[in-house]
N, C-alpha and C. Protein backbone atom coordinates (compact mmCIF):
# COMPACT_ATOMS: atom_id res chain seq x y z
N MET A 1 109.78 85.24 104.80
CA MET A 1 109.26 84.04 105.41
C MET A 1 110.14 82.87 105.01
N GLY A 2 110.38 81.97 105.94
CA GLY A 2 111.17 80.80 105.64
C GLY A 2 110.80 79.64 106.54
N LEU A 3 111.20 78.44 106.11
CA LEU A 3 110.95 77.21 106.83
C LEU A 3 112.21 76.37 106.74
N ASN A 4 112.69 75.85 107.87
CA ASN A 4 113.91 75.03 107.83
C ASN A 4 113.57 73.54 107.89
N ASP A 5 114.59 72.69 107.80
CA ASP A 5 114.40 71.24 107.80
C ASP A 5 113.89 70.69 109.12
N HIS A 6 113.97 71.46 110.18
CA HIS A 6 113.48 71.04 111.50
C HIS A 6 112.00 71.41 111.70
N GLY A 7 111.42 72.13 110.73
CA GLY A 7 110.03 72.54 110.85
C GLY A 7 109.83 73.84 111.58
N VAL A 8 110.89 74.64 111.70
CA VAL A 8 110.76 75.98 112.28
C VAL A 8 110.41 76.94 111.16
N VAL A 9 109.37 77.73 111.38
CA VAL A 9 108.97 78.74 110.41
C VAL A 9 109.19 80.11 111.05
N ALA A 10 109.67 81.05 110.24
CA ALA A 10 109.87 82.43 110.71
C ALA A 10 109.38 83.38 109.63
N CYS A 11 108.68 84.41 110.06
CA CYS A 11 108.13 85.40 109.13
C CYS A 11 108.29 86.78 109.75
N ILE A 12 108.76 87.73 108.96
CA ILE A 12 108.98 89.09 109.46
C ILE A 12 108.03 90.05 108.76
N LEU A 13 107.54 91.04 109.51
CA LEU A 13 106.66 92.08 108.97
C LEU A 13 107.15 93.43 109.48
N ASN A 14 106.95 94.45 108.68
CA ASN A 14 107.23 95.80 109.13
C ASN A 14 106.16 96.22 110.14
N ARG A 15 106.52 97.11 111.06
CA ARG A 15 105.51 97.76 111.90
C ARG A 15 105.12 99.07 111.22
N HIS A 16 104.02 99.64 111.66
CA HIS A 16 103.54 100.89 111.07
C HIS A 16 104.66 101.93 110.99
N GLY A 17 104.74 102.58 109.85
CA GLY A 17 105.70 103.67 109.66
C GLY A 17 107.14 103.24 109.46
N THR A 18 107.39 101.94 109.20
CA THR A 18 108.77 101.47 109.08
C THR A 18 109.02 100.73 107.77
N LEU A 19 108.26 101.02 106.75
CA LEU A 19 108.41 100.34 105.46
C LEU A 19 109.77 100.66 104.83
N GLY A 20 110.44 99.65 104.36
CA GLY A 20 111.68 99.84 103.62
C GLY A 20 112.91 99.95 104.49
N PRO A 21 114.07 100.02 103.82
CA PRO A 21 115.35 100.11 104.55
C PRO A 21 115.58 101.51 105.12
N ALA A 22 116.55 101.61 106.01
CA ALA A 22 116.95 102.90 106.58
C ALA A 22 118.47 102.92 106.69
N ALA A 23 119.05 104.06 106.42
CA ALA A 23 120.50 104.21 106.51
C ALA A 23 120.98 103.81 107.91
N GLY A 24 122.04 103.02 107.95
CA GLY A 24 122.63 102.62 109.21
C GLY A 24 121.93 101.46 109.91
N LYS A 25 120.88 100.92 109.30
CA LYS A 25 120.14 99.80 109.91
C LYS A 25 120.35 98.53 109.07
N ARG A 26 120.39 97.40 109.76
CA ARG A 26 120.51 96.11 109.09
C ARG A 26 119.16 95.69 108.53
N SER A 27 119.19 94.80 107.56
CA SER A 27 117.96 94.28 106.97
C SER A 27 117.25 93.38 107.98
N ARG A 28 115.96 93.60 108.15
CA ARG A 28 115.17 92.75 109.03
C ARG A 28 115.06 91.33 108.49
N GLY A 29 115.25 91.16 107.19
CA GLY A 29 115.23 89.83 106.60
C GLY A 29 116.30 88.92 107.18
N GLU A 30 117.39 89.49 107.68
CA GLU A 30 118.44 88.69 108.33
C GLU A 30 117.90 87.95 109.55
N LEU A 31 116.89 88.50 110.18
CA LEU A 31 116.35 87.90 111.40
C LEU A 31 115.64 86.57 111.09
N VAL A 32 115.03 86.48 109.92
CA VAL A 32 114.43 85.21 109.51
C VAL A 32 115.52 84.16 109.38
N LEU A 33 116.63 84.52 108.73
CA LEU A 33 117.74 83.57 108.57
C LEU A 33 118.32 83.17 109.92
N GLU A 34 118.43 84.12 110.84
CA GLU A 34 118.92 83.80 112.19
C GLU A 34 118.00 82.81 112.88
N ALA A 35 116.70 83.05 112.80
CA ALA A 35 115.74 82.14 113.45
C ALA A 35 115.81 80.74 112.84
N LEU A 36 116.02 80.66 111.54
CA LEU A 36 116.04 79.35 110.87
C LEU A 36 117.33 78.59 111.10
N ASP A 37 118.29 79.19 111.79
CA ASP A 37 119.51 78.48 112.18
C ASP A 37 119.29 77.60 113.41
N HIS A 38 118.07 77.55 113.92
CA HIS A 38 117.79 76.82 115.16
C HIS A 38 116.82 75.67 114.92
N ALA A 39 116.90 74.66 115.78
CA ALA A 39 116.12 73.44 115.59
C ALA A 39 114.72 73.51 116.20
N ASP A 40 114.45 74.51 117.02
CA ASP A 40 113.08 74.67 117.52
C ASP A 40 112.77 76.14 117.74
N ALA A 41 111.48 76.42 117.82
CA ALA A 41 111.02 77.81 117.90
C ALA A 41 111.49 78.50 119.16
N ARG A 42 111.54 77.77 120.27
CA ARG A 42 111.96 78.39 121.54
C ARG A 42 113.41 78.88 121.45
N ASP A 43 114.31 78.05 120.91
CA ASP A 43 115.71 78.47 120.76
C ASP A 43 115.83 79.63 119.77
N ALA A 44 115.06 79.58 118.70
CA ALA A 44 115.10 80.65 117.70
C ALA A 44 114.64 81.97 118.32
N THR A 45 113.59 81.90 119.14
CA THR A 45 113.08 83.11 119.79
C THR A 45 114.10 83.67 120.77
N ASP A 46 114.79 82.80 121.51
CA ASP A 46 115.84 83.26 122.42
C ASP A 46 116.95 83.99 121.66
N ALA A 47 117.29 83.50 120.47
CA ALA A 47 118.32 84.15 119.67
C ALA A 47 117.88 85.53 119.21
N ILE A 48 116.62 85.67 118.82
CA ILE A 48 116.11 86.97 118.38
C ILE A 48 116.01 87.93 119.57
N ARG A 49 115.67 87.41 120.73
CA ARG A 49 115.61 88.25 121.93
C ARG A 49 116.97 88.91 122.22
N ALA A 50 118.06 88.25 121.83
CA ALA A 50 119.41 88.72 122.14
C ALA A 50 119.97 89.71 121.12
N ILE A 51 119.19 90.09 120.10
CA ILE A 51 119.71 91.02 119.09
C ILE A 51 119.94 92.41 119.69
N ASP A 52 120.74 93.20 118.98
CA ASP A 52 120.89 94.62 119.31
C ASP A 52 119.71 95.34 118.67
N PRO A 53 118.72 95.79 119.44
CA PRO A 53 117.53 96.39 118.85
C PRO A 53 117.82 97.65 118.05
N ALA A 54 118.87 98.36 118.38
CA ALA A 54 119.21 99.60 117.66
C ALA A 54 119.70 99.32 116.25
N ALA A 55 120.03 98.07 115.95
CA ALA A 55 120.55 97.72 114.63
C ALA A 55 119.45 97.57 113.58
N TYR A 56 118.17 97.54 114.02
CA TYR A 56 117.06 97.25 113.11
C TYR A 56 115.96 98.29 113.25
N ARG A 57 115.15 98.41 112.22
CA ARG A 57 113.92 99.18 112.32
C ARG A 57 112.88 98.30 113.03
N PRO A 58 111.85 98.90 113.61
CA PRO A 58 110.83 98.10 114.30
C PRO A 58 110.21 97.03 113.39
N PHE A 59 109.80 95.93 114.01
CA PHE A 59 109.25 94.81 113.25
C PHE A 59 108.31 93.98 114.11
N ASN A 60 107.52 93.17 113.44
CA ASN A 60 106.77 92.06 114.02
C ASN A 60 107.36 90.80 113.43
N MET A 61 107.41 89.74 114.22
CA MET A 61 107.93 88.49 113.72
C MET A 61 107.13 87.35 114.33
N VAL A 62 106.88 86.34 113.53
CA VAL A 62 106.28 85.11 114.01
C VAL A 62 107.34 84.03 113.89
N ILE A 63 107.55 83.30 114.97
CA ILE A 63 108.45 82.15 114.97
C ILE A 63 107.65 81.00 115.55
N ALA A 64 107.58 79.89 114.81
CA ALA A 64 106.76 78.76 115.26
C ALA A 64 107.36 77.44 114.81
N ASP A 65 107.00 76.41 115.53
CA ASP A 65 107.22 75.04 115.10
C ASP A 65 105.92 74.29 115.42
N ASN A 66 105.92 72.97 115.38
CA ASN A 66 104.67 72.27 115.60
C ASN A 66 104.32 72.10 117.09
N ARG A 67 105.07 72.74 117.98
CA ARG A 67 104.76 72.73 119.42
C ARG A 67 104.51 74.12 119.98
N ASP A 68 105.24 75.11 119.49
CA ASP A 68 105.18 76.46 120.05
C ASP A 68 105.06 77.50 118.95
N ALA A 69 104.44 78.63 119.30
CA ALA A 69 104.35 79.75 118.36
C ALA A 69 104.52 81.04 119.16
N TYR A 70 105.36 81.93 118.65
CA TYR A 70 105.68 83.17 119.35
C TYR A 70 105.51 84.38 118.44
N TRP A 71 105.08 85.48 119.07
CA TRP A 71 105.05 86.77 118.41
C TRP A 71 106.17 87.60 119.03
N VAL A 72 107.08 88.07 118.19
CA VAL A 72 108.19 88.91 118.62
C VAL A 72 107.92 90.30 118.06
N ALA A 73 107.92 91.31 118.92
CA ALA A 73 107.65 92.68 118.48
C ALA A 73 108.77 93.61 118.94
N LEU A 74 109.41 94.24 117.97
CA LEU A 74 110.36 95.32 118.29
C LEU A 74 109.62 96.61 118.00
N ARG A 75 109.11 97.24 119.06
CA ARG A 75 108.34 98.47 118.94
C ARG A 75 109.23 99.70 119.05
N ASP A 76 110.26 99.58 119.87
CA ASP A 76 111.14 100.71 120.20
C ASP A 76 112.57 100.21 120.10
N VAL A 77 113.38 100.85 119.26
CA VAL A 77 114.74 100.36 119.04
C VAL A 77 115.66 100.61 120.23
N ALA A 78 115.13 101.19 121.30
CA ALA A 78 115.92 101.40 122.51
C ALA A 78 115.73 100.27 123.52
N THR A 79 114.76 99.38 123.25
CA THR A 79 114.52 98.27 124.18
C THR A 79 114.50 96.94 123.42
N SER A 80 114.75 95.87 124.13
CA SER A 80 114.74 94.54 123.51
C SER A 80 113.34 94.21 122.99
N PRO A 81 113.28 93.30 122.03
CA PRO A 81 111.96 92.89 121.53
C PRO A 81 111.12 92.24 122.63
N SER A 82 109.82 92.47 122.57
CA SER A 82 108.92 91.76 123.47
C SER A 82 108.55 90.43 122.81
N ILE A 83 108.30 89.42 123.64
CA ILE A 83 107.97 88.10 123.12
C ILE A 83 106.74 87.60 123.85
N GLU A 84 105.75 87.16 123.08
CA GLU A 84 104.53 86.62 123.65
C GLU A 84 104.20 85.31 122.95
N ASP A 85 103.61 84.38 123.70
CA ASP A 85 103.07 83.17 123.09
C ASP A 85 101.90 83.56 122.19
N ILE A 86 101.80 82.92 121.05
CA ILE A 86 100.61 83.08 120.22
C ILE A 86 99.61 82.04 120.73
N PRO A 87 98.40 82.47 121.09
CA PRO A 87 97.45 81.53 121.68
C PRO A 87 96.96 80.50 120.66
N ALA A 88 96.45 79.39 121.19
CA ALA A 88 95.84 78.38 120.33
C ALA A 88 94.67 79.01 119.59
N GLY A 89 94.41 78.53 118.41
CA GLY A 89 93.32 79.07 117.61
C GLY A 89 93.87 79.95 116.51
N LEU A 90 93.01 80.73 115.92
CA LEU A 90 93.38 81.56 114.79
C LEU A 90 93.79 82.95 115.26
N SER A 91 94.98 83.37 114.88
CA SER A 91 95.47 84.71 115.19
C SER A 91 95.83 85.41 113.90
N MET A 92 95.82 86.75 113.93
CA MET A 92 96.22 87.56 112.78
C MET A 92 97.20 88.62 113.25
N LEU A 93 98.13 88.94 112.36
CA LEU A 93 99.14 89.95 112.64
C LEU A 93 99.36 90.77 111.39
N THR A 94 99.34 92.08 111.53
CA THR A 94 99.64 92.99 110.42
C THR A 94 100.81 93.86 110.87
N ALA A 95 100.73 95.15 110.65
CA ALA A 95 101.81 96.05 111.03
C ALA A 95 101.63 96.61 112.44
N GLY A 96 100.60 96.15 113.14
CA GLY A 96 100.35 96.57 114.52
C GLY A 96 100.58 95.43 115.47
N ASP A 97 99.62 95.22 116.37
CA ASP A 97 99.75 94.17 117.39
C ASP A 97 98.93 92.94 117.03
N LEU A 98 99.27 91.83 117.62
CA LEU A 98 98.61 90.56 117.38
C LEU A 98 97.13 90.65 117.75
N ASN A 99 96.27 90.24 116.82
CA ASN A 99 94.81 90.19 117.03
C ASN A 99 94.21 91.52 117.46
N ASP A 100 94.84 92.61 117.07
CA ASP A 100 94.40 93.95 117.46
C ASP A 100 93.17 94.36 116.63
N ALA A 101 92.00 94.35 117.26
CA ALA A 101 90.76 94.68 116.55
C ALA A 101 90.72 96.14 116.10
N ALA A 102 91.64 96.97 116.59
CA ALA A 102 91.73 98.35 116.11
C ALA A 102 92.34 98.40 114.70
N GLU A 103 93.02 97.33 114.31
CA GLU A 103 93.54 97.22 112.94
C GLU A 103 92.37 96.79 112.05
N ARG A 104 92.03 97.62 111.06
CA ARG A 104 90.83 97.36 110.26
C ARG A 104 90.88 96.01 109.55
N ARG A 105 92.04 95.63 109.04
CA ARG A 105 92.14 94.35 108.33
C ARG A 105 91.86 93.18 109.29
N ILE A 106 92.38 93.26 110.50
CA ILE A 106 92.14 92.21 111.48
C ILE A 106 90.67 92.21 111.90
N ALA A 107 90.11 93.38 112.18
CA ALA A 107 88.71 93.46 112.59
C ALA A 107 87.79 92.90 111.51
N SER A 108 88.12 93.13 110.26
CA SER A 108 87.29 92.67 109.16
C SER A 108 87.48 91.19 108.84
N PHE A 109 88.74 90.74 108.82
CA PHE A 109 89.01 89.40 108.29
C PHE A 109 89.19 88.30 109.33
N ARG A 110 89.61 88.61 110.53
CA ARG A 110 89.79 87.54 111.50
C ARG A 110 88.49 86.77 111.74
N PRO A 111 87.37 87.45 111.94
CA PRO A 111 86.12 86.68 112.11
C PRO A 111 85.77 85.85 110.87
N ARG A 112 86.12 86.35 109.69
CA ARG A 112 85.83 85.59 108.46
C ARG A 112 86.68 84.32 108.38
N PHE A 113 87.95 84.43 108.76
CA PHE A 113 88.80 83.24 108.77
C PHE A 113 88.33 82.23 109.81
N ILE A 114 87.92 82.74 110.98
CA ILE A 114 87.42 81.84 112.04
C ILE A 114 86.17 81.11 111.56
N ALA A 115 85.28 81.80 110.85
CA ALA A 115 84.03 81.21 110.38
C ALA A 115 84.22 80.32 109.15
N ALA A 116 85.31 80.47 108.44
CA ALA A 116 85.53 79.72 107.20
C ALA A 116 85.83 78.26 107.48
N ASP A 117 85.60 77.43 106.45
CA ASP A 117 85.97 76.03 106.57
C ASP A 117 87.46 75.92 106.88
N ILE A 118 87.80 75.04 107.82
CA ILE A 118 89.19 74.83 108.21
C ILE A 118 89.90 74.11 107.06
N PRO A 119 91.07 74.58 106.66
CA PRO A 119 91.79 73.90 105.58
C PRO A 119 92.14 72.46 105.95
N ASP A 120 92.24 71.63 104.92
CA ASP A 120 92.73 70.26 105.06
C ASP A 120 93.96 70.16 104.16
N PRO A 121 95.14 70.53 104.69
CA PRO A 121 96.34 70.57 103.85
C PRO A 121 96.69 69.23 103.22
N GLY A 122 96.45 68.13 103.93
CA GLY A 122 96.77 66.81 103.39
C GLY A 122 95.98 66.48 102.14
N ALA A 123 94.78 67.02 102.05
CA ALA A 123 93.93 66.80 100.87
C ALA A 123 93.97 67.99 99.92
N ASN A 124 94.86 68.94 100.18
CA ASN A 124 95.00 70.17 99.38
C ASN A 124 93.67 70.93 99.29
N ARG A 125 92.98 71.02 100.43
CA ARG A 125 91.72 71.77 100.49
C ARG A 125 91.94 73.04 101.30
N TRP A 126 92.14 74.12 100.60
CA TRP A 126 92.35 75.43 101.20
C TRP A 126 91.35 76.44 100.62
N ASP A 127 90.31 75.97 99.95
CA ASP A 127 89.46 76.84 99.14
C ASP A 127 88.96 78.08 99.86
N ALA A 128 88.43 77.92 101.06
CA ALA A 128 87.87 79.07 101.78
C ALA A 128 88.95 80.08 102.12
N TRP A 129 90.13 79.60 102.54
CA TRP A 129 91.21 80.53 102.89
C TRP A 129 91.80 81.17 101.64
N ARG A 130 91.90 80.43 100.55
CA ARG A 130 92.38 81.04 99.29
C ARG A 130 91.45 82.17 98.87
N LYS A 131 90.15 81.93 98.99
CA LYS A 131 89.18 82.97 98.62
C LYS A 131 89.34 84.20 99.51
N LEU A 132 89.49 83.99 100.80
CA LEU A 132 89.69 85.12 101.71
C LEU A 132 91.00 85.86 101.41
N MET A 133 92.07 85.13 101.14
CA MET A 133 93.35 85.76 100.83
C MET A 133 93.27 86.61 99.57
N SER A 134 92.35 86.27 98.66
CA SER A 134 92.20 86.97 97.38
C SER A 134 91.23 88.15 97.45
N ALA A 135 90.61 88.37 98.61
CA ALA A 135 89.60 89.41 98.74
C ALA A 135 90.20 90.79 98.49
N ARG A 136 89.64 91.48 97.53
CA ARG A 136 90.08 92.84 97.20
C ARG A 136 89.08 93.85 97.73
N GLY A 137 89.61 95.04 98.03
CA GLY A 137 88.77 96.15 98.47
C GLY A 137 89.06 97.36 97.61
N SER A 138 88.63 98.49 98.07
CA SER A 138 88.86 99.74 97.37
C SER A 138 90.34 100.11 97.39
N THR A 139 90.82 100.69 96.31
CA THR A 139 92.22 101.16 96.30
C THR A 139 92.39 102.33 97.25
N LEU A 140 91.31 102.94 97.66
CA LEU A 140 91.39 104.06 98.60
C LEU A 140 91.45 103.57 100.05
N ALA A 141 91.11 102.32 100.29
CA ALA A 141 91.13 101.76 101.64
C ALA A 141 91.72 100.35 101.59
N PRO A 142 93.03 100.23 101.29
CA PRO A 142 93.61 98.90 101.17
C PRO A 142 93.56 98.09 102.46
N GLU A 143 93.41 98.76 103.60
CA GLU A 143 93.34 98.02 104.86
C GLU A 143 92.04 97.23 104.99
N ASP A 144 91.09 97.45 104.08
CA ASP A 144 89.84 96.69 104.08
C ASP A 144 89.90 95.46 103.18
N ALA A 145 91.08 95.11 102.72
CA ALA A 145 91.24 93.97 101.82
C ALA A 145 92.43 93.13 102.25
N MET A 146 92.44 91.89 101.86
CA MET A 146 93.62 91.05 102.07
C MET A 146 94.59 91.21 100.91
N THR A 147 94.07 91.46 99.71
CA THR A 147 94.88 91.70 98.52
C THR A 147 94.55 93.10 98.03
N PHE A 148 95.58 93.92 97.84
CA PHE A 148 95.30 95.30 97.46
C PHE A 148 96.43 95.86 96.60
N LEU A 149 96.13 96.97 95.94
CA LEU A 149 97.10 97.75 95.19
C LEU A 149 96.69 99.21 95.30
N THR A 150 97.56 100.04 95.87
CA THR A 150 97.24 101.46 96.01
C THR A 150 97.54 102.19 94.70
N PRO A 151 96.99 103.39 94.51
CA PRO A 151 97.29 104.17 93.32
C PRO A 151 98.79 104.46 93.18
N ALA A 152 99.54 104.47 94.29
CA ALA A 152 100.98 104.72 94.25
C ALA A 152 101.78 103.47 93.87
N GLY A 153 101.09 102.32 93.73
CA GLY A 153 101.77 101.10 93.31
C GLY A 153 102.17 100.17 94.43
N PHE A 154 101.88 100.52 95.69
CA PHE A 154 102.20 99.64 96.81
C PHE A 154 101.06 98.64 96.98
N GLY A 155 101.41 97.38 97.13
CA GLY A 155 100.34 96.40 97.29
C GLY A 155 100.84 95.00 97.54
N THR A 156 99.92 94.06 97.44
CA THR A 156 100.21 92.65 97.67
C THR A 156 101.07 92.12 96.53
N SER A 157 102.25 91.60 96.88
CA SER A 157 103.16 91.09 95.85
C SER A 157 103.28 89.57 95.88
N SER A 158 102.81 88.93 96.94
CA SER A 158 102.84 87.47 97.04
C SER A 158 101.97 87.07 98.22
N SER A 159 101.76 85.76 98.35
CA SER A 159 100.95 85.25 99.43
C SER A 159 101.39 83.83 99.75
N SER A 160 101.30 83.44 101.02
CA SER A 160 101.65 82.09 101.45
C SER A 160 100.59 81.51 102.36
N LEU A 161 100.43 80.21 102.27
CA LEU A 161 99.63 79.42 103.20
C LEU A 161 100.55 78.29 103.66
N LEU A 162 100.69 78.11 104.97
CA LEU A 162 101.61 77.12 105.48
C LEU A 162 100.96 76.32 106.61
N ALA A 163 101.12 75.01 106.57
CA ALA A 163 100.60 74.13 107.61
C ALA A 163 101.73 73.26 108.13
N LEU A 164 101.89 73.24 109.45
CA LEU A 164 102.88 72.37 110.09
C LEU A 164 102.16 71.16 110.66
N PRO A 165 102.70 69.97 110.49
CA PRO A 165 102.04 68.77 111.03
C PRO A 165 102.15 68.73 112.55
N SER A 166 101.21 68.04 113.17
CA SER A 166 101.29 67.86 114.62
C SER A 166 102.51 66.99 114.93
N PRO A 167 103.05 67.09 116.15
CA PRO A 167 104.21 66.25 116.48
C PRO A 167 103.94 64.75 116.28
N ALA A 168 102.76 64.27 116.68
CA ALA A 168 102.45 62.85 116.54
C ALA A 168 102.38 62.45 115.07
N THR A 169 101.73 63.25 114.27
CA THR A 169 101.60 62.94 112.84
C THR A 169 102.95 62.98 112.16
N GLN A 170 103.75 63.97 112.49
CA GLN A 170 105.05 64.12 111.85
C GLN A 170 105.94 62.91 112.14
N HIS A 171 106.00 62.47 113.39
CA HIS A 171 106.90 61.39 113.76
C HIS A 171 106.35 60.01 113.39
N ASP A 172 105.04 59.81 113.59
CA ASP A 172 104.46 58.49 113.36
C ASP A 172 104.25 58.19 111.87
N ARG A 173 103.94 59.22 111.11
CA ARG A 173 103.60 58.97 109.71
C ARG A 173 104.51 59.68 108.71
N GLY A 174 105.50 60.38 109.19
CA GLY A 174 106.42 61.07 108.30
C GLY A 174 105.78 62.20 107.51
N VAL A 175 104.73 62.83 108.07
CA VAL A 175 104.04 63.92 107.39
C VAL A 175 104.95 65.16 107.41
N ARG A 176 105.02 65.84 106.29
CA ARG A 176 105.86 67.03 106.16
C ARG A 176 105.00 68.28 106.13
N PRO A 177 105.60 69.43 106.41
CA PRO A 177 104.85 70.69 106.29
C PRO A 177 104.34 70.88 104.86
N VAL A 178 103.25 71.62 104.74
CA VAL A 178 102.70 71.98 103.44
C VAL A 178 102.78 73.49 103.32
N TRP A 179 103.48 73.97 102.29
CA TRP A 179 103.63 75.41 102.07
C TRP A 179 103.18 75.71 100.65
N LEU A 180 102.14 76.52 100.54
CA LEU A 180 101.67 76.99 99.24
C LEU A 180 102.06 78.44 99.08
N PHE A 181 102.56 78.79 97.89
CA PHE A 181 103.05 80.14 97.65
C PHE A 181 102.50 80.65 96.33
N ALA A 182 101.95 81.86 96.35
CA ALA A 182 101.50 82.56 95.14
C ALA A 182 102.50 83.67 94.87
N ALA A 183 103.19 83.60 93.73
CA ALA A 183 104.23 84.58 93.39
C ALA A 183 103.61 85.81 92.73
N GLY A 184 102.61 86.35 93.35
CA GLY A 184 101.90 87.53 92.89
C GLY A 184 100.64 87.66 93.71
N PRO A 185 99.80 88.65 93.42
CA PRO A 185 98.55 88.76 94.16
C PRO A 185 97.76 87.46 94.03
N PRO A 186 97.24 86.92 95.13
CA PRO A 186 96.62 85.59 95.08
C PRO A 186 95.33 85.53 94.28
N ASP A 187 94.74 86.67 93.90
CA ASP A 187 93.58 86.63 93.02
C ASP A 187 94.01 86.54 91.56
N GLN A 188 95.33 86.63 91.31
CA GLN A 188 95.85 86.55 89.95
C GLN A 188 96.86 85.42 89.78
N ALA A 189 97.65 85.14 90.80
CA ALA A 189 98.69 84.10 90.74
C ALA A 189 98.17 82.84 91.42
N HIS A 190 98.51 81.70 90.86
CA HIS A 190 98.09 80.43 91.45
C HIS A 190 99.03 80.05 92.58
N PHE A 191 98.48 79.44 93.61
CA PHE A 191 99.28 78.91 94.70
C PHE A 191 99.97 77.63 94.23
N GLN A 192 101.28 77.56 94.40
CA GLN A 192 102.07 76.39 94.05
C GLN A 192 102.69 75.83 95.32
N GLN A 193 102.78 74.51 95.41
CA GLN A 193 103.40 73.91 96.59
C GLN A 193 104.91 74.05 96.50
N ILE A 194 105.51 74.47 97.61
CA ILE A 194 106.97 74.58 97.68
C ILE A 194 107.49 73.28 98.25
């Protein structure tokens, strides 16, 4: 995940069955850096659309600024990534599809985030979302938790909360993005402002 000086944010996620590197494939992390070379989300998304899909393992990517938000999905390395607008409101993305209720974590937590108090980043009020991000479940069913650790040692290693200012607020009042980062599981590590 990264944020540039223009307010473009990019975040990459693995798709199901594609965890880790693969011989002959480029790092998907490079795609975040490519997106952050652009001054707005639309241009960044166009650049990602032009990649050689065979060079990477499948991925989900979010590219956004304070005007537009896109979901980029490389499902099949033989075809170009698909690009969809992320709708207004609260969306969730894991290793499957955007807002896919068949994904247990989305089915369980998206309604909870929607019902929770809306964060007020300017006043550093994220309490409800911090609590949800820290929710642990059974180690046998990590998909039922936002923070988890499997018996094999795979689990939540960090967490971020990011708010982009509206265009009017950013230009009229000089408001900057707010990015909170927990350098460990959020039920154990404190969120620090970046």
